[in-house]
Amino acid sequence: MTRNIIIEELDQTPIEQCRTEIVERKGIGHPDSIADGLAESVSRALCKMYLKRYKTILHHNTDEVQIVGGQSAPAFGGGVILAPVYILLVGRATTTVDGERLPYRAEAIKAARDYLEQNCTHLDLDADVMLDCRIGEGSIDLRGLYETEKMLANDTSFGVSFAPLSETERITYDVERYINGPLKQELPEAGQDVKVMAWRNGDRLNLTVATAMVDKLIPDIDHYQSVVEQLGDKVLDFATKATSREVKVFVNNADNYEEGVFYLTVTGLSMENGDDGSVGRGNRANGLITPYRPMSMEAAAGKNPVTHVGKLYNVLAKMMASDIADECGGDILEAQVRLVSQIGAPIDMPQGASAQLIPAEGVKISSLESDVRGIIDNHLENITSLTLKLVNGEISVF
């Protein structure tokens, strides 16, 4: 059966030629990103449990993690947690197979603790967090109820993405990874809760960076101010190497030293003191929030990686758009890809696959159509290869 692939020219100003642009990235320690990370880690753990026991991934969705912020009293030199963060793991999973009950809650809690230990290094998992697993139960008869070999879409949904990233988008993504990566060696006082908001107006780029500071590593106001200034200088140096535009960096812009207002935390995380988090409220599958670009509201993290098109199609659209942009070289300025499923239909046969292209001057879409169609067709043909890559954490969904 021939796939319904539609390729058309997009009559739109490329983002780099637009006067303004807004881009946001929530770092790994933001409450929404933590919720995404927990949902995805629990899903991967369940997948591995199912594969080990039954050689197949059984039905589950763990994409409803909720984080309720705690209370803290940060102070220079070290404060205290007054009330722990409450984390609720919610969703559905296959918990009984042919009458055998599975240790799904133990697997979920362990996966969540491992994720927090790895990504929230100043969090005391025994005192600062209450982990609660309320994943719903479901039973199955392996002889027929869940036949993954059919690979039928379990929802009517869509995925969307675009390529290439604009310069502002790349800088926004890379700045957060820099702060939560190499910069930690020089400035360990900076916590994992980092948010970067970019505002480009013509050739002027403002980067507003919010970084939770770890109080026990900061003895006084002078040290705090020094860390903030160093972080700003290093981010400015990092960003200016990636652009010829004028860059300004603002770090912890809500601080007011005269009134004693500082972004000081015990754990390096804002969720310790009232900030809540939910799956799907943060970065899209490409790791960014881009109001000037097409986006899906779908929460990809935690959805099963076998037949949930809300996850697979957003990941696949990103890969398709990137390959189209790479392989067509300078012939196109932008590619936008959208995939729409129909519940009960094979996941490799979407209702429609749309590629909208902004061609370079003098380039005809007809000259690109065969190559673009081949890229989309090949990715759909191999969509099942995404499953194990997602299970193994080789593909990020936030």
Protein backbone atom coordinates (compact mmCIF):
# COMPACT_ATOMS: atom_id res chain seq x y z
CA MET A 1 0.00 0.00 0.00
CA THR A 2 1.33 3.43 -0.95
CA ARG A 3 1.80 5.90 1.88
CA ASN A 4 -0.02 9.20 1.75
CA ILE A 5 2.96 11.56 1.56
CA ILE A 6 2.31 15.18 0.62
CA ILE A 7 5.12 17.58 -0.26
CA GLU A 8 4.49 21.23 -0.84
CA GLU A 9 6.15 24.62 -0.91
CA LEU A 10 5.68 26.74 2.19
CA ASP A 11 5.14 30.43 1.47
CA GLN A 12 6.58 31.76 4.69
CA THR A 13 9.46 33.96 5.83
CA PRO A 14 12.32 31.78 7.18
CA ILE A 15 12.86 32.24 10.90
CA GLU A 16 16.35 33.67 10.43
CA GLN A 17 14.87 36.44 8.31
CA CYS A 18 12.14 37.32 10.81
CA ARG A 19 12.88 40.34 12.95
CA THR A 20 12.01 38.67 16.26
CA GLU A 21 12.29 35.22 17.78
CA ILE A 22 11.58 33.66 21.17
CA VAL A 23 13.12 30.38 22.31
CA GLU A 24 13.04 28.68 25.72
CA ARG A 25 14.68 25.65 27.27
CA LYS A 26 13.94 24.24 30.69
CA GLY A 27 16.98 22.51 32.13
CA ILE A 28 17.20 19.05 33.63
CA GLY A 29 16.50 20.35 37.13
CA HIS A 30 13.36 22.32 36.27
CA PRO A 31 10.29 20.70 37.90
CA ASP A 32 8.65 20.06 34.52
CA SER A 33 11.83 18.49 33.14
CA ILE A 34 12.19 16.34 36.26
CA ALA A 35 8.62 15.13 35.75
CA ASP A 36 9.43 14.28 32.13
CA GLY A 37 12.64 12.54 33.15
CA LEU A 38 10.93 10.47 35.82
CA ALA A 39 8.10 9.45 33.48
CA GLU A 40 10.57 8.37 30.82
CA SER A 41 12.87 6.53 33.22
CA VAL A 42 9.96 4.59 34.71
CA SER A 43 8.72 3.65 31.24
CA ARG A 44 12.18 2.43 30.25
CA ALA A 45 12.45 0.39 33.45
CA LEU A 46 9.10 -1.30 32.81
CA CYS A 47 10.08 -1.99 29.21
CA LYS A 48 13.26 -3.73 30.35
CA MET A 49 11.35 -5.76 32.93
CA TYR A 50 8.85 -6.90 30.30
CA LEU A 51 11.57 -7.71 27.77
CA LYS A 52 13.56 -9.73 30.30
CA ARG A 53 10.55 -11.77 31.37
CA TYR A 54 8.49 -12.08 28.19
CA LYS A 55 10.72 -10.96 25.29
CA THR A 56 8.19 -8.26 24.43
CA ILE A 57 7.15 -4.83 25.72
CA LEU A 58 3.70 -4.94 27.27
CA HIS A 59 1.16 -2.16 27.43
CA HIS A 60 1.92 0.78 29.70
CA ASN A 61 1.90 4.56 29.85
CA THR A 62 3.59 6.40 32.71
CA ASP A 63 3.15 9.94 31.39
CA GLU A 64 1.21 11.45 34.30
CA VAL A 65 3.95 12.20 36.84
CA GLN A 66 3.10 15.07 39.19
CA ILE A 67 5.50 17.02 41.37
CA VAL A 68 4.22 19.00 44.36
CA GLY A 69 6.78 21.48 45.60
CA GLY A 70 8.04 21.29 49.17
CA GLN A 71 9.12 24.03 51.55
CA SER A 72 12.62 25.12 52.42
CA ALA A 73 14.57 27.74 54.33
CA PRO A 74 17.75 28.37 52.35
CA ALA A 75 20.55 30.37 53.94
CA PHE A 76 24.11 31.31 53.10
CA GLY A 77 26.34 28.48 54.26
CA GLY A 78 23.47 25.99 54.27
CA GLY A 79 19.75 25.95 54.97
CA VAL A 80 17.18 23.26 55.64
CA ILE A 81 14.28 21.50 53.97
CA LEU A 82 11.13 22.13 56.00
CA ALA A 83 8.73 19.91 54.04
CA PRO A 84 9.75 17.32 51.43
CA VAL A 85 8.84 17.41 47.77
CA TYR A 86 6.00 15.02 46.94
CA ILE A 87 6.35 13.08 43.69
CA LEU A 88 3.45 11.01 42.39
CA LEU A 89 4.12 8.38 39.73
CA VAL A 90 0.86 7.87 37.85
CA GLY A 91 -0.20 5.99 34.74
CA ARG A 92 -1.14 2.51 33.64
CA ALA A 93 0.91 -0.66 33.34
CA THR A 94 0.51 -4.35 32.76
CA THR A 95 0.92 -5.68 36.27
CA THR A 96 -0.31 -9.26 35.97
CA VAL A 97 0.55 -11.70 33.16
CA ASP A 98 -1.14 -15.07 32.89
CA GLY A 99 -1.93 -14.84 36.59
CA GLU A 100 1.61 -13.87 37.62
CA ARG A 101 1.85 -10.56 39.49
CA LEU A 102 4.82 -8.39 38.53
CA PRO A 103 6.98 -6.16 40.79
CA TYR A 104 6.07 -3.09 38.76
CA ARG A 105 5.93 -0.67 41.69
CA ALA A 106 9.34 -1.71 42.97
CA GLU A 107 10.76 -1.25 39.46
CA ALA A 108 9.12 2.16 39.10
CA ILE A 109 10.34 3.45 42.47
CA LYS A 110 13.87 2.21 41.85
CA ALA A 111 13.97 3.84 38.41
CA ALA A 112 12.71 7.12 39.85
CA ARG A 113 15.26 7.10 42.67
CA ASP A 114 18.08 6.29 40.25
CA TYR A 115 17.06 9.15 37.99
CA LEU A 116 16.91 11.66 40.84
CA GLU A 117 20.24 10.47 42.23
CA GLN A 118 21.92 10.92 38.86
CA ASN A 119 20.37 14.27 37.88
CA CYS A 120 19.67 16.04 41.19
CA THR A 121 22.98 15.63 42.98
CA HIS A 122 22.21 17.86 46.00
CA LEU A 123 18.90 16.17 46.78
CA ASP A 124 18.73 13.88 49.82
CA LEU A 125 16.48 11.10 48.56
CA ASP A 126 15.73 9.85 52.06
CA ALA A 127 14.75 13.19 53.59
CA ASP A 128 13.94 15.70 50.85
CA VAL A 129 11.52 13.61 48.73
CA MET A 130 8.38 11.53 49.20
CA LEU A 131 8.03 9.11 46.27
CA ASP A 132 4.57 7.63 45.77
CA CYS A 133 3.69 5.12 43.06
CA ARG A 134 0.01 4.94 42.09
CA ILE A 135 0.40 3.39 38.66
CA GLY A 136 -2.85 1.65 37.79
CA GLU A 137 -3.10 -2.08 37.37
CA GLY A 138 -3.93 -4.13 34.33
CA SER A 139 -3.74 -7.84 33.52
CA ILE A 140 -3.10 -9.62 30.28
CA ASP A 141 -3.17 -13.00 28.62
CA LEU A 142 -0.08 -13.22 26.43
CA ARG A 143 -1.90 -15.60 24.13
CA GLY A 144 -3.81 -12.82 22.44
CA LEU A 145 -4.72 -9.62 24.16
CA TYR A 146 -1.55 -7.62 23.41
CA GLU A 147 -0.13 -8.55 20.04
CA THR A 148 2.67 -6.06 19.51
CA GLU A 149 3.57 -7.56 16.16
CA LYS A 150 0.53 -5.85 14.66
CA MET A 151 1.96 -2.43 15.57
CA LEU A 152 -1.37 -0.61 15.46
CA ALA A 153 -1.62 3.00 16.57
CA ASN A 154 -3.21 3.25 20.01
CA ASP A 155 -4.41 6.81 19.47
CA THR A 156 -5.42 9.31 16.85
CA SER A 157 -2.74 11.91 17.27
CA PHE A 158 -0.07 13.82 15.42
CA GLY A 159 3.63 14.61 15.56
CA VAL A 160 5.34 17.71 14.25
CA SER A 161 8.85 19.07 13.99
CA PHE A 162 11.12 21.26 11.91
CA ALA A 163 14.73 21.69 10.80
CA PRO A 164 17.26 23.10 10.78
CA LEU A 165 17.42 24.81 14.15
CA SER A 166 17.94 28.53 13.96
CA GLU A 167 21.05 30.06 15.43
CA THR A 168 19.04 31.32 18.41
CA GLU A 169 17.54 27.87 18.98
CA ARG A 170 20.94 26.20 18.91
CA ILE A 171 22.41 28.74 21.32
CA THR A 172 19.48 28.40 23.74
CA TYR A 173 19.79 24.61 23.81
CA ASP A 174 23.57 24.64 24.09
CA VAL A 175 23.71 27.28 26.84
CA GLU A 176 21.61 25.15 29.20
CA ARG A 177 23.66 22.06 28.44
CA TYR A 178 26.82 24.10 29.04
CA ILE A 179 25.64 25.34 32.44
CA ASN A 180 24.49 21.85 33.44
CA GLY A 181 27.58 20.28 31.93
CA PRO A 182 31.16 21.58 31.66
CA LEU A 183 30.50 24.75 33.69
CA LYS A 184 29.69 22.68 36.79
CA GLN A 185 33.41 21.90 37.09
CA GLU A 186 34.18 25.61 37.48
CA LEU A 187 31.02 26.76 39.27
CA PRO A 188 29.67 23.90 41.42
CA GLU A 189 27.53 26.48 43.25
CA ALA A 190 25.15 26.50 40.27
CA GLY A 191 22.32 23.99 40.75
CA GLN A 192 20.61 21.85 38.13
CA ASP A 193 17.46 24.00 37.94
CA VAL A 194 18.34 26.18 34.97
CA LYS A 195 16.02 27.95 32.54
CA VAL A 196 17.16 29.86 29.48
CA MET A 197 14.90 32.30 27.65
CA ALA A 198 16.17 33.82 24.43
CA TRP A 199 14.71 36.95 22.86
CA ARG A 200 16.14 37.98 19.51
CA ASN A 201 15.29 41.37 18.07
CA GLY A 202 17.05 41.74 14.75
CA ASP A 203 20.74 41.17 15.43
CA ARG A 204 20.46 41.67 19.18
CA LEU A 205 20.09 38.56 21.32
CA ASN A 206 19.10 38.67 24.98
CA LEU A 207 19.61 35.54 27.07
CA THR A 208 17.81 35.55 30.41
CA VAL A 209 19.17 32.75 32.57
CA ALA A 210 17.64 31.59 35.84
CA THR A 211 19.95 29.34 37.85
CA ALA A 212 19.16 28.05 41.35
CA MET A 213 22.23 28.43 43.56
CA VAL A 214 23.23 25.82 46.17
CA ASP A 215 23.38 27.59 49.54
CA LYS A 216 25.84 25.32 51.36
CA LEU A 217 28.50 26.20 48.78
CA ILE A 218 27.94 29.97 49.13
CA PRO A 219 29.06 31.45 52.47
CA ASP A 220 27.90 35.05 51.96
CA ILE A 221 26.44 37.70 49.67
CA ASP A 222 29.78 38.59 48.12
CA HIS A 223 30.38 34.98 47.10
CA TYR A 224 26.88 34.74 45.65
CA GLN A 225 27.36 37.91 43.61
CA SER A 226 30.71 36.66 42.37
CA VAL A 227 29.20 33.35 41.20
CA VAL A 228 26.35 35.13 39.39
CA GLU A 229 28.80 37.47 37.65
CA GLN A 230 31.13 34.63 36.69
CA LEU A 231 28.24 32.58 35.32
CA GLY A 232 27.06 35.55 33.26
CA ASP A 233 30.55 36.21 31.88
CA LYS A 234 31.12 32.58 30.96
CA VAL A 235 27.72 32.21 29.29
CA LEU A 236 28.34 35.43 27.36
CA ASP A 237 31.71 34.14 26.17
CA PHE A 238 30.17 30.78 25.25
CA ALA A 239 27.28 32.34 23.32
CA THR A 240 29.28 34.99 21.46
CA LYS A 241 31.51 32.27 20.02
CA ALA A 242 28.41 30.85 18.30
CA THR A 243 27.09 34.06 16.72
CA SER A 244 28.09 37.38 15.20
CA ARG A 245 25.01 39.00 16.77
CA GLU A 246 25.22 41.26 19.77
CA VAL A 247 24.56 39.17 22.90
CA LYS A 248 23.51 40.29 26.36
CA VAL A 249 23.18 37.87 29.28
CA PHE A 250 21.02 38.42 32.36
CA VAL A 251 21.46 35.99 35.27
CA ASN A 252 18.90 35.68 38.09
CA ASN A 253 17.30 38.93 37.07
CA ALA A 254 14.80 38.89 39.97
CA ASP A 255 17.56 39.20 42.55
CA ASN A 256 17.49 42.32 44.71
CA TYR A 257 20.56 42.48 46.90
CA GLU A 258 19.39 45.51 48.88
CA GLU A 259 16.18 43.74 49.89
CA GLY A 260 17.88 40.39 50.47
CA VAL A 261 16.28 38.60 47.50
CA PHE A 262 18.48 35.87 46.02
CA TYR A 263 17.84 32.72 43.99
CA LEU A 264 19.28 30.62 46.80
CA THR A 265 18.22 27.02 47.36
CA VAL A 266 19.21 24.08 49.54
CA THR A 267 19.18 21.53 46.72
CA GLY A 268 19.76 23.57 43.57
CA LEU A 269 16.13 22.92 42.64
CA SER A 270 13.16 25.28 42.77
CA MET A 271 10.79 22.39 43.49
CA GLU A 272 12.09 22.39 47.07
CA ASN A 273 10.09 25.53 47.80
CA GLY A 274 6.70 25.51 46.10
CA ASP A 275 7.45 25.09 42.39
CA ASP A 276 5.37 22.23 40.99
CA GLY A 277 5.94 20.16 37.86
CA SER A 278 4.00 18.06 35.38
CA VAL A 279 4.81 15.90 32.38
CA GLY A 280 4.42 17.69 29.05
CA ARG A 281 4.62 21.27 30.34
CA GLY A 282 8.25 21.69 29.39
CA ASN A 283 10.42 21.13 26.35
CA ARG A 284 9.05 19.50 23.23
CA ALA A 285 10.64 16.37 21.77
CA ASN A 286 13.45 18.46 20.24
CA GLY A 287 14.40 19.83 23.66
CA LEU A 288 13.06 23.34 23.09
CA ILE A 289 9.95 25.48 23.46
CA THR A 290 9.57 27.45 20.23
CA PRO A 291 6.45 29.65 19.90
CA TYR A 292 7.58 30.87 16.47
CA ARG A 293 7.60 27.30 15.13
CA PRO A 294 5.04 24.50 14.78
CA MET A 295 4.72 22.50 18.00
CA SER A 296 2.65 19.65 19.36
CA MET A 297 1.08 19.81 22.82
CA GLU A 298 1.62 16.05 23.16
CA ALA A 299 3.62 14.86 26.16
CA ALA A 300 6.07 12.36 24.70
CA ALA A 301 7.83 11.35 27.93
CA GLY A 302 6.48 8.20 29.58
CA LYS A 303 4.33 7.01 26.71
CA ASN A 304 5.00 3.46 25.59
CA PRO A 305 7.60 3.29 22.78
CA VAL A 306 5.87 0.54 20.83
CA THR A 307 2.56 1.86 19.54
CA HIS A 308 1.97 5.26 21.12
CA VAL A 309 2.11 7.60 18.15
CA GLY A 310 2.04 10.63 20.43
CA LYS A 311 5.63 9.68 21.22
CA LEU A 312 6.80 7.94 18.06
CA TYR A 313 5.49 10.49 15.57
CA ASN A 314 7.03 13.49 17.36
CA VAL A 315 10.39 11.76 17.49
CA LEU A 316 10.08 10.57 13.90
CA ALA A 317 9.03 14.00 12.60
CA LYS A 318 12.16 15.49 14.16
CA MET A 319 14.36 12.87 12.50
CA MET A 320 12.65 13.31 9.14
CA ALA A 321 12.96 17.09 9.18
CA SER A 322 16.63 16.89 10.18
CA ASP A 323 17.45 14.42 7.41
CA ILE A 324 15.57 16.48 4.83
CA ALA A 325 17.48 19.62 5.85
CA ASP A 326 20.82 17.78 5.83
CA GLU A 327 20.37 15.89 2.58
CA CYS A 328 18.87 18.77 0.63
CA GLY A 329 21.73 21.00 1.71
CA GLY A 330 21.38 24.59 0.58
CA ASP A 331 18.37 23.85 -1.61
CA ILE A 332 15.92 24.39 1.26
CA LEU A 333 15.92 26.96 4.05
CA GLU A 334 13.44 25.17 6.31
CA ALA A 335 11.54 21.91 6.47
CA GLN A 336 8.41 21.30 8.52
CA VAL A 337 7.12 17.74 8.93
CA ARG A 338 3.75 16.62 10.30
CA LEU A 339 2.48 13.08 10.77
CA VAL A 340 -1.10 12.23 11.72
CA SER A 341 -2.21 8.78 12.85
CA GLN A 342 -5.53 7.02 13.02
CA ILE A 343 -6.26 4.75 15.95
CA GLY A 344 -6.19 1.09 14.96
CA ALA A 345 -4.18 1.69 11.78
CA PRO A 346 -0.58 0.44 11.34
CA ILE A 347 1.88 2.91 12.82
CA ASP A 348 3.95 2.88 9.61
CA MET A 349 0.90 3.96 7.59
CA PRO A 350 -0.16 7.40 8.91
CA GLN A 351 -3.29 9.04 7.57
CA GLY A 352 -0.98 11.64 6.18
CA ALA A 353 2.67 12.63 6.15
CA SER A 354 3.20 16.25 5.22
CA ALA A 355 6.49 17.94 4.38
CA GLN A 356 6.33 21.70 3.87
CA LEU A 357 9.52 23.19 2.49
CA ILE A 358 10.85 26.72 2.11
CA PRO A 359 13.14 26.46 -0.94
CA ALA A 360 16.21 28.56 -1.53
CA GLU A 361 15.91 31.20 -4.24
CA GLY A 362 15.62 29.63 -7.67
CA VAL A 363 15.01 26.08 -6.39
CA LYS A 364 11.89 24.24 -7.54
CA ILE A 365 10.15 21.95 -5.06
CA SER A 366 9.58 19.45 -7.87
CA SER A 367 13.35 18.88 -8.06
CA LEU A 368 13.42 17.85 -4.40
CA GLU A 369 10.20 15.86 -4.19
CA SER A 370 11.66 12.43 -4.98
CA ASP A 371 14.43 12.71 -2.38
CA VAL A 372 12.11 14.08 0.32
CA ARG A 373 9.54 11.39 -0.35
CA GLY A 374 12.25 8.75 -0.07
CA ILE A 375 13.43 10.10 3.30
CA ILE A 376 9.91 10.07 4.75
CA ASP A 377 9.13 6.65 3.31
CA ASN A 378 12.34 5.15 4.69
CA HIS A 379 11.76 6.50 8.19
CA LEU A 380 8.21 5.14 8.26
CA GLU A 381 9.39 1.80 6.93
CA ASN A 382 11.83 1.57 9.85
CA ILE A 383 9.69 3.14 12.57
CA THR A 384 9.90 0.02 14.76
CA SER A 385 13.66 0.57 15.12
CA LEU A 386 12.86 3.54 17.37
CA THR A 387 11.53 1.32 20.15
CA LEU A 388 14.77 -0.13 21.50
CA LYS A 389 16.58 3.19 21.02
CA LEU A 390 13.99 4.83 23.24
CA VAL A 391 14.15 1.99 25.77
CA ASN A 392 17.94 2.32 25.95
CA GLY A 393 17.79 6.08 26.36
CA GLU A 394 19.52 6.74 23.04
CA ILE A 395 16.83 9.24 22.03
CA SER A 396 15.84 12.17 24.21
CA VAL A 397 12.20 13.22 24.24
CA PHE A 398 12.55 16.47 26.20
